[in-house]
Amino acid sequence: MKSSVSSFWIGWLLAVLVINIAIGLSATFGIESYLWKWHQDGVATALWGETGFTDEVRAYRSWVMSIFGPTLMAWAIALIYITLKPFAAGERWAWICISTSLLAWFIPDTIYSVFQGVWINVVFNGFGFGAILLPLIATRKTFWS
């Protein structure tokens, strides 16, 4: 018989996923804002050795972020449903789905960031990865016992 998952960890995952939706929205519509300056200055410094972007790079970056943000939001929305229903019910496939989607994002994104020397993104990824990995580790026995 399946056991249900702790409401604490369900709440944790839901909070992290809602934050991902907010990050996606802010990346889509606010990449030029002060909110993202720390990240974008780190990217520029890593790639060009100085902060700031040319008009052409700024236009490209805005476009890239306008498709990255909704992709992040779509992923988070799908995982919210999975968290609320099958994950909460202790269905093993839901734990596997969240875990594999987390790894499918984190591994290539972080490896590419390391190869490009964009350490600010490696750190940013680490926080996001850890925030979702923690409840997966904490609930593992629920799904694998």
N, C-alpha and C. Protein backbone atom coordinates (compact mmCIF):
# COMPACT_ATOMS: atom_id res chain seq x y z
N MET A 1 0.84 -1.19 0.00
CA MET A 1 0.00 0.00 0.00
C MET A 1 0.89 1.25 0.00
N LYS A 2 0.49 2.20 -0.80
CA LYS A 2 1.23 3.46 -0.88
C LYS A 2 0.97 4.30 0.37
N SER A 3 2.01 4.96 0.84
CA SER A 3 1.82 5.89 1.96
C SER A 3 1.90 7.31 1.44
N SER A 4 1.28 8.20 2.16
CA SER A 4 1.29 9.59 1.70
C SER A 4 2.55 10.29 2.20
N VAL A 5 2.89 11.35 1.51
CA VAL A 5 4.10 12.11 1.79
C VAL A 5 3.79 13.19 2.83
N SER A 6 4.77 13.50 3.64
CA SER A 6 4.64 14.55 4.64
C SER A 6 4.16 15.85 4.02
N SER A 7 3.18 16.46 4.66
CA SER A 7 2.65 17.74 4.14
C SER A 7 3.73 18.84 4.19
N PHE A 8 4.69 18.72 5.08
CA PHE A 8 5.78 19.69 5.13
C PHE A 8 6.55 19.69 3.81
N TRP A 9 6.91 18.51 3.32
CA TRP A 9 7.71 18.42 2.10
C TRP A 9 6.89 18.76 0.86
N ILE A 10 5.60 18.45 0.91
CA ILE A 10 4.73 18.87 -0.20
C ILE A 10 4.68 20.40 -0.22
N GLY A 11 4.50 21.01 0.94
CA GLY A 11 4.47 22.47 1.02
C GLY A 11 5.79 23.09 0.58
N TRP A 12 6.89 22.46 0.98
CA TRP A 12 8.23 22.93 0.57
C TRP A 12 8.34 22.93 -0.95
N LEU A 13 8.02 21.79 -1.56
CA LEU A 13 8.11 21.68 -3.02
C LEU A 13 7.20 22.71 -3.70
N LEU A 14 5.99 22.85 -3.21
CA LEU A 14 5.07 23.81 -3.80
C LEU A 14 5.62 25.24 -3.71
N ALA A 15 6.19 25.59 -2.57
CA ALA A 15 6.77 26.93 -2.41
C ALA A 15 7.91 27.15 -3.40
N VAL A 16 8.79 26.16 -3.54
CA VAL A 16 9.91 26.27 -4.48
C VAL A 16 9.40 26.39 -5.91
N LEU A 17 8.37 25.64 -6.25
CA LEU A 17 7.83 25.69 -7.61
C LEU A 17 7.14 27.02 -7.89
N VAL A 18 6.46 27.57 -6.92
CA VAL A 18 5.86 28.90 -7.09
C VAL A 18 6.96 29.95 -7.26
N ILE A 19 8.03 29.81 -6.53
CA ILE A 19 9.17 30.71 -6.70
C ILE A 19 9.73 30.58 -8.12
N ASN A 20 9.78 29.36 -8.65
CA ASN A 20 10.23 29.16 -10.03
C ASN A 20 9.32 29.86 -11.03
N ILE A 21 8.04 29.86 -10.77
CA ILE A 21 7.11 30.59 -11.64
C ILE A 21 7.41 32.08 -11.57
N ALA A 22 7.62 32.60 -10.37
CA ALA A 22 7.95 34.02 -10.21
C ALA A 22 9.27 34.36 -10.90
N ILE A 23 10.25 33.48 -10.79
CA ILE A 23 11.54 33.70 -11.47
C ILE A 23 11.32 33.71 -12.98
N GLY A 24 10.52 32.78 -13.47
CA GLY A 24 10.23 32.75 -14.90
C GLY A 24 9.55 34.01 -15.38
N LEU A 25 8.59 34.49 -14.63
CA LEU A 25 7.92 35.75 -15.00
C LEU A 25 8.88 36.92 -14.97
N SER A 26 9.70 36.99 -13.93
CA SER A 26 10.62 38.12 -13.82
C SER A 26 11.70 38.06 -14.89
N ALA A 27 12.14 36.85 -15.27
CA ALA A 27 13.13 36.73 -16.34
C ALA A 27 12.52 37.15 -17.67
N THR A 28 11.27 36.80 -17.89
CA THR A 28 10.60 37.13 -19.15
C THR A 28 10.39 38.63 -19.29
N PHE A 29 9.89 39.25 -18.25
CA PHE A 29 9.48 40.65 -18.36
C PHE A 29 10.40 41.63 -17.65
N GLY A 30 11.39 41.14 -16.90
CA GLY A 30 12.20 42.06 -16.12
C GLY A 30 13.69 41.84 -16.19
N ILE A 31 14.17 41.19 -17.25
CA ILE A 31 15.60 40.89 -17.32
C ILE A 31 16.45 42.16 -17.30
N GLU A 32 15.90 43.26 -17.74
CA GLU A 32 16.63 44.54 -17.74
C GLU A 32 16.50 45.28 -16.41
N SER A 33 15.76 44.71 -15.47
CA SER A 33 15.54 45.39 -14.20
C SER A 33 16.69 45.18 -13.23
N TYR A 34 16.66 45.96 -12.17
CA TYR A 34 17.67 45.86 -11.12
C TYR A 34 17.64 44.48 -10.47
N LEU A 35 16.49 43.85 -10.46
CA LEU A 35 16.32 42.53 -9.86
C LEU A 35 17.30 41.50 -10.45
N TRP A 36 17.59 41.61 -11.73
CA TRP A 36 18.47 40.66 -12.41
C TRP A 36 19.89 41.20 -12.63
N LYS A 37 20.17 42.43 -12.20
CA LYS A 37 21.47 43.05 -12.48
C LYS A 37 22.63 42.20 -11.96
N TRP A 38 22.54 41.70 -10.76
CA TRP A 38 23.61 40.88 -10.18
C TRP A 38 23.93 39.68 -11.06
N HIS A 39 22.90 39.04 -11.56
CA HIS A 39 23.10 37.85 -12.39
C HIS A 39 23.63 38.24 -13.77
N GLN A 40 23.03 39.23 -14.37
CA GLN A 40 23.44 39.62 -15.72
C GLN A 40 24.83 40.25 -15.75
N ASP A 41 25.20 40.99 -14.71
CA ASP A 41 26.57 41.51 -14.62
C ASP A 41 27.57 40.36 -14.50
N GLY A 42 27.20 39.32 -13.73
CA GLY A 42 28.08 38.16 -13.61
C GLY A 42 28.24 37.41 -14.92
N VAL A 43 27.15 37.30 -15.67
CA VAL A 43 27.22 36.64 -16.99
C VAL A 43 28.10 37.46 -17.93
N ALA A 44 27.88 38.76 -17.99
CA ALA A 44 28.66 39.62 -18.88
C ALA A 44 30.14 39.58 -18.53
N THR A 45 30.44 39.65 -17.25
CA THR A 45 31.85 39.61 -16.83
C THR A 45 32.50 38.30 -17.21
N ALA A 46 31.78 37.20 -17.03
CA ALA A 46 32.32 35.88 -17.38
C ALA A 46 32.56 35.75 -18.88
N LEU A 47 31.65 36.27 -19.68
CA LEU A 47 31.75 36.08 -21.12
C LEU A 47 32.58 37.14 -21.84
N TRP A 48 32.57 38.39 -21.33
CA TRP A 48 33.25 39.48 -22.03
C TRP A 48 34.27 40.22 -21.17
N GLY A 49 34.37 39.87 -19.90
CA GLY A 49 35.35 40.51 -19.04
C GLY A 49 34.93 41.88 -18.52
N GLU A 50 33.71 42.25 -18.75
CA GLU A 50 33.20 43.54 -18.25
C GLU A 50 31.69 43.45 -18.14
N THR A 51 31.11 44.32 -17.32
CA THR A 51 29.66 44.35 -17.20
C THR A 51 29.08 45.18 -18.34
N GLY A 52 27.83 44.98 -18.57
CA GLY A 52 27.15 45.73 -19.62
C GLY A 52 27.08 44.93 -20.92
N PHE A 53 26.15 45.33 -21.75
CA PHE A 53 25.89 44.63 -23.00
C PHE A 53 25.72 45.65 -24.12
N THR A 54 26.10 45.26 -25.32
CA THR A 54 25.82 46.11 -26.47
C THR A 54 24.31 46.04 -26.74
N ASP A 55 23.82 46.94 -27.58
CA ASP A 55 22.40 46.92 -27.90
C ASP A 55 22.00 45.61 -28.56
N GLU A 56 22.87 45.09 -29.42
CA GLU A 56 22.57 43.83 -30.10
C GLU A 56 22.49 42.67 -29.11
N VAL A 57 23.45 42.60 -28.19
CA VAL A 57 23.45 41.54 -27.20
C VAL A 57 22.25 41.70 -26.27
N ARG A 58 21.92 42.92 -25.90
CA ARG A 58 20.77 43.17 -25.04
C ARG A 58 19.48 42.69 -25.71
N ALA A 59 19.33 42.96 -27.01
CA ALA A 59 18.14 42.51 -27.74
C ALA A 59 18.07 40.98 -27.77
N TYR A 60 19.21 40.34 -28.04
CA TYR A 60 19.24 38.88 -28.08
C TYR A 60 18.94 38.30 -26.70
N ARG A 61 19.57 38.86 -25.68
CA ARG A 61 19.34 38.38 -24.32
C ARG A 61 17.88 38.52 -23.93
N SER A 62 17.26 39.63 -24.28
CA SER A 62 15.84 39.82 -23.97
C SER A 62 14.99 38.76 -24.64
N TRP A 63 15.32 38.45 -25.89
CA TRP A 63 14.57 37.42 -26.60
C TRP A 63 14.79 36.05 -25.96
N VAL A 64 16.04 35.71 -25.66
CA VAL A 64 16.33 34.41 -25.04
C VAL A 64 15.60 34.27 -23.72
N MET A 65 15.63 35.31 -22.91
CA MET A 65 14.95 35.24 -21.62
C MET A 65 13.44 35.20 -21.77
N SER A 66 12.92 35.78 -22.87
CA SER A 66 11.48 35.75 -23.08
C SER A 66 10.99 34.35 -23.44
N ILE A 67 11.90 33.47 -23.88
CA ILE A 67 11.49 32.08 -24.09
C ILE A 67 11.95 31.17 -22.95
N PHE A 68 12.99 31.56 -22.24
CA PHE A 68 13.43 30.80 -21.07
C PHE A 68 12.40 30.89 -19.94
N GLY A 69 11.92 32.08 -19.67
CA GLY A 69 10.99 32.29 -18.56
C GLY A 69 9.73 31.44 -18.66
N PRO A 70 9.04 31.46 -19.80
CA PRO A 70 7.86 30.60 -19.92
C PRO A 70 8.17 29.11 -19.85
N THR A 71 9.35 28.72 -20.31
CA THR A 71 9.75 27.31 -20.22
C THR A 71 9.89 26.92 -18.75
N LEU A 72 10.53 27.76 -17.96
CA LEU A 72 10.66 27.52 -16.53
C LEU A 72 9.28 27.47 -15.87
N MET A 73 8.41 28.39 -16.25
CA MET A 73 7.07 28.41 -15.67
C MET A 73 6.29 27.14 -16.02
N ALA A 74 6.39 26.69 -17.28
CA ALA A 74 5.67 25.49 -17.70
C ALA A 74 6.15 24.27 -16.91
N TRP A 75 7.46 24.16 -16.74
CA TRP A 75 8.03 23.05 -15.96
C TRP A 75 7.48 23.09 -14.53
N ALA A 76 7.51 24.26 -13.92
CA ALA A 76 7.05 24.39 -12.53
C ALA A 76 5.57 24.09 -12.41
N ILE A 77 4.76 24.55 -13.35
CA ILE A 77 3.32 24.29 -13.30
C ILE A 77 3.04 22.79 -13.42
N ALA A 78 3.73 22.11 -14.32
CA ALA A 78 3.55 20.66 -14.45
C ALA A 78 3.95 19.96 -13.15
N LEU A 79 5.06 20.38 -12.56
CA LEU A 79 5.50 19.75 -11.31
C LEU A 79 4.58 20.07 -10.14
N ILE A 80 3.91 21.20 -10.17
CA ILE A 80 2.93 21.51 -9.12
C ILE A 80 1.82 20.47 -9.14
N TYR A 81 1.30 20.19 -10.32
CA TYR A 81 0.25 19.17 -10.42
C TYR A 81 0.77 17.82 -9.93
N ILE A 82 1.96 17.44 -10.38
CA ILE A 82 2.53 16.15 -9.96
C ILE A 82 2.74 16.12 -8.45
N THR A 83 3.18 17.23 -7.88
CA THR A 83 3.39 17.30 -6.43
C THR A 83 2.07 17.16 -5.67
N LEU A 84 1.04 17.85 -6.14
CA LEU A 84 -0.25 17.85 -5.43
C LEU A 84 -0.99 16.52 -5.51
N LYS A 85 -0.83 15.81 -6.59
CA LYS A 85 -1.61 14.57 -6.78
C LYS A 85 -0.74 13.32 -6.57
N PRO A 86 -0.04 12.84 -7.58
CA PRO A 86 0.65 11.55 -7.42
C PRO A 86 1.82 11.57 -6.42
N PHE A 87 2.56 12.65 -6.35
CA PHE A 87 3.66 12.72 -5.38
C PHE A 87 3.09 12.68 -3.97
N ALA A 88 2.07 13.48 -3.72
CA ALA A 88 1.45 13.53 -2.39
C ALA A 88 0.86 12.17 -2.00
N ALA A 89 0.41 11.41 -2.99
CA ALA A 89 -0.16 10.09 -2.73
C ALA A 89 0.91 9.01 -2.59
N GLY A 90 2.17 9.38 -2.79
CA GLY A 90 3.25 8.42 -2.64
C GLY A 90 3.47 7.53 -3.84
N GLU A 91 3.03 7.97 -5.01
CA GLU A 91 3.23 7.18 -6.23
C GLU A 91 4.68 7.33 -6.70
N ARG A 92 5.36 6.21 -6.79
CA ARG A 92 6.80 6.20 -7.08
C ARG A 92 7.14 6.92 -8.38
N TRP A 93 6.32 6.78 -9.40
CA TRP A 93 6.62 7.40 -10.69
C TRP A 93 6.72 8.92 -10.56
N ALA A 94 5.97 9.52 -9.63
CA ALA A 94 6.00 10.97 -9.45
C ALA A 94 7.36 11.40 -8.90
N TRP A 95 7.89 10.65 -7.96
CA TRP A 95 9.22 10.94 -7.41
C TRP A 95 10.26 10.81 -8.52
N ILE A 96 10.15 9.78 -9.33
CA ILE A 96 11.08 9.58 -10.45
C ILE A 96 10.95 10.72 -11.46
N CYS A 97 9.73 11.12 -11.75
CA CYS A 97 9.50 12.20 -12.71
C CYS A 97 10.13 13.51 -12.24
N ILE A 98 9.91 13.87 -11.00
CA ILE A 98 10.49 15.10 -10.47
C ILE A 98 12.01 15.00 -10.46
N SER A 99 12.54 13.86 -10.04
CA SER A 99 13.99 13.67 -9.97
C SER A 99 14.64 13.75 -11.35
N THR A 100 14.06 13.04 -12.32
CA THR A 100 14.68 13.03 -13.65
C THR A 100 14.55 14.38 -14.34
N SER A 101 13.43 15.07 -14.14
CA SER A 101 13.31 16.40 -14.75
C SER A 101 14.30 17.38 -14.12
N LEU A 102 14.53 17.23 -12.82
CA LEU A 102 15.51 18.07 -12.13
C LEU A 102 16.90 17.83 -12.70
N LEU A 103 17.27 16.57 -12.87
CA LEU A 103 18.59 16.24 -13.42
C LEU A 103 18.71 16.64 -14.88
N ALA A 104 17.62 16.51 -15.63
CA ALA A 104 17.65 16.89 -17.06
C ALA A 104 17.93 18.37 -17.23
N TRP A 105 17.50 19.18 -16.27
CA TRP A 105 17.81 20.61 -16.31
C TRP A 105 19.22 20.87 -15.76
N PHE A 106 19.45 20.39 -14.54
CA PHE A 106 20.64 20.79 -13.79
C PHE A 106 21.95 20.35 -14.43
N ILE A 107 22.04 19.12 -14.85
CA ILE A 107 23.32 18.59 -15.34
C ILE A 107 23.81 19.35 -16.58
N PRO A 108 23.05 19.39 -17.68
CA PRO A 108 23.60 20.09 -18.85
C PRO A 108 23.73 21.60 -18.65
N ASP A 109 22.78 22.21 -17.97
CA ASP A 109 22.84 23.65 -17.74
C ASP A 109 24.07 24.02 -16.94
N THR A 110 24.34 23.25 -15.89
CA THR A 110 25.46 23.56 -15.02
C THR A 110 26.79 23.21 -15.67
N ILE A 111 26.86 22.09 -16.37
CA ILE A 111 28.10 21.74 -17.07
C ILE A 111 28.44 22.81 -18.10
N TYR A 112 27.47 23.25 -18.87
CA TYR A 112 27.73 24.27 -19.88
C TYR A 112 28.16 25.58 -19.22
N SER A 113 27.53 25.92 -18.11
CA SER A 113 27.92 27.13 -17.39
C SER A 113 29.35 27.04 -16.87
N VAL A 114 29.74 25.87 -16.38
CA VAL A 114 31.12 25.66 -15.92
C VAL A 114 32.09 25.82 -17.09
N PHE A 115 31.80 25.16 -18.21
CA PHE A 115 32.68 25.25 -19.37
C PHE A 115 32.82 26.67 -19.89
N GLN A 116 31.77 27.46 -19.76
CA GLN A 116 31.81 28.85 -20.20
C GLN A 116 32.34 29.79 -19.12
N GLY A 117 32.56 29.28 -17.92
CA GLY A 117 33.07 30.09 -16.82
C GLY A 117 32.04 31.04 -16.23
N VAL A 118 30.77 30.72 -16.38
CA VAL A 118 29.69 31.57 -15.86
C VAL A 118 29.33 31.05 -14.46
N TRP A 119 30.21 31.36 -13.52
CA TRP A 119 30.08 30.83 -12.16
C TRP A 119 28.86 31.36 -11.43
N ILE A 120 28.42 32.55 -11.78
CA ILE A 120 27.22 33.09 -11.13
C ILE A 120 26.02 32.21 -11.43
N ASN A 121 25.99 31.64 -12.63
CA ASN A 121 24.89 30.74 -12.99
C ASN A 121 25.04 29.38 -12.32
N VAL A 122 26.27 28.93 -12.14
CA VAL A 122 26.52 27.67 -11.43
C VAL A 122 25.98 27.78 -10.00
N VAL A 123 26.27 28.89 -9.34
CA VAL A 123 25.79 29.12 -7.98
C VAL A 123 24.26 29.22 -7.96
N PHE A 124 23.71 29.97 -8.90
CA PHE A 124 22.25 30.13 -9.02
C PHE A 124 21.60 28.76 -9.20
N ASN A 125 22.15 27.94 -10.09
CA ASN A 125 21.63 26.60 -10.32
C ASN A 125 21.72 25.75 -9.05
N GLY A 126 22.83 25.88 -8.33
CA GLY A 126 23.02 25.10 -7.12
C GLY A 126 21.93 25.33 -6.09
N PHE A 127 21.53 26.58 -5.93
CA PHE A 127 20.45 26.89 -4.99
C PHE A 127 19.13 26.27 -5.45
N GLY A 128 18.82 26.42 -6.73
CA GLY A 128 17.58 25.84 -7.25
C GLY A 128 17.57 24.33 -7.17
N PHE A 129 18.69 23.72 -7.51
CA PHE A 129 18.82 22.27 -7.45
C PHE A 129 18.65 21.77 -6.02
N GLY A 130 19.36 22.40 -5.10
CA GLY A 130 19.28 21.98 -3.70
C GLY A 130 17.90 22.13 -3.11
N ALA A 131 17.20 23.18 -3.51
CA ALA A 131 15.86 23.43 -2.96
C ALA A 131 14.87 22.34 -3.37
N ILE A 132 15.08 21.73 -4.53
CA ILE A 132 14.20 20.64 -4.95
C ILE A 132 14.76 19.28 -4.54
N LEU A 133 16.07 19.15 -4.52
CA LEU A 133 16.69 17.88 -4.12
C LEU A 133 16.41 17.55 -2.65
N LEU A 134 16.41 18.54 -1.80
CA LEU A 134 16.22 18.29 -0.36
C LEU A 134 14.93 17.51 -0.07
N PRO A 135 13.78 17.94 -0.55
CA PRO A 135 12.58 17.14 -0.27
C PRO A 135 12.58 15.78 -0.96
N LEU A 136 13.28 15.66 -2.08
CA LEU A 136 13.38 14.34 -2.72
C LEU A 136 14.18 13.38 -1.85
N ILE A 137 15.26 13.87 -1.28
CA ILE A 137 16.07 13.04 -0.38
C ILE A 137 15.25 12.70 0.87
N ALA A 138 14.58 13.70 1.41
CA ALA A 138 13.82 13.52 2.66
C ALA A 138 12.66 12.54 2.49
N THR A 139 12.11 12.45 1.31
CA THR A 139 10.94 11.58 1.09
C THR A 139 11.28 10.26 0.42
N ARG A 140 12.53 10.04 0.13
CA ARG A 140 12.94 8.85 -0.63
C ARG A 140 12.40 7.56 -0.03
N LYS A 141 12.48 7.42 1.27
CA LYS A 141 12.02 6.17 1.92
C LYS A 141 10.52 5.96 1.75
N THR A 142 9.77 7.04 1.64
CA THR A 142 8.33 6.91 1.41
C THR A 142 8.06 6.20 0.08
N PHE A 143 8.89 6.50 -0.90
CA PHE A 143 8.67 5.96 -2.24
C PHE A 143 9.41 4.65 -2.49
N TRP A 144 10.45 4.38 -1.72
CA TRP A 144 11.31 3.23 -2.02
C TRP A 144 11.37 2.22 -0.89
N SER A 145 10.39 2.22 0.01
CA SER A 145 10.42 1.21 1.09
C SER A 145 9.42 0.12 0.83
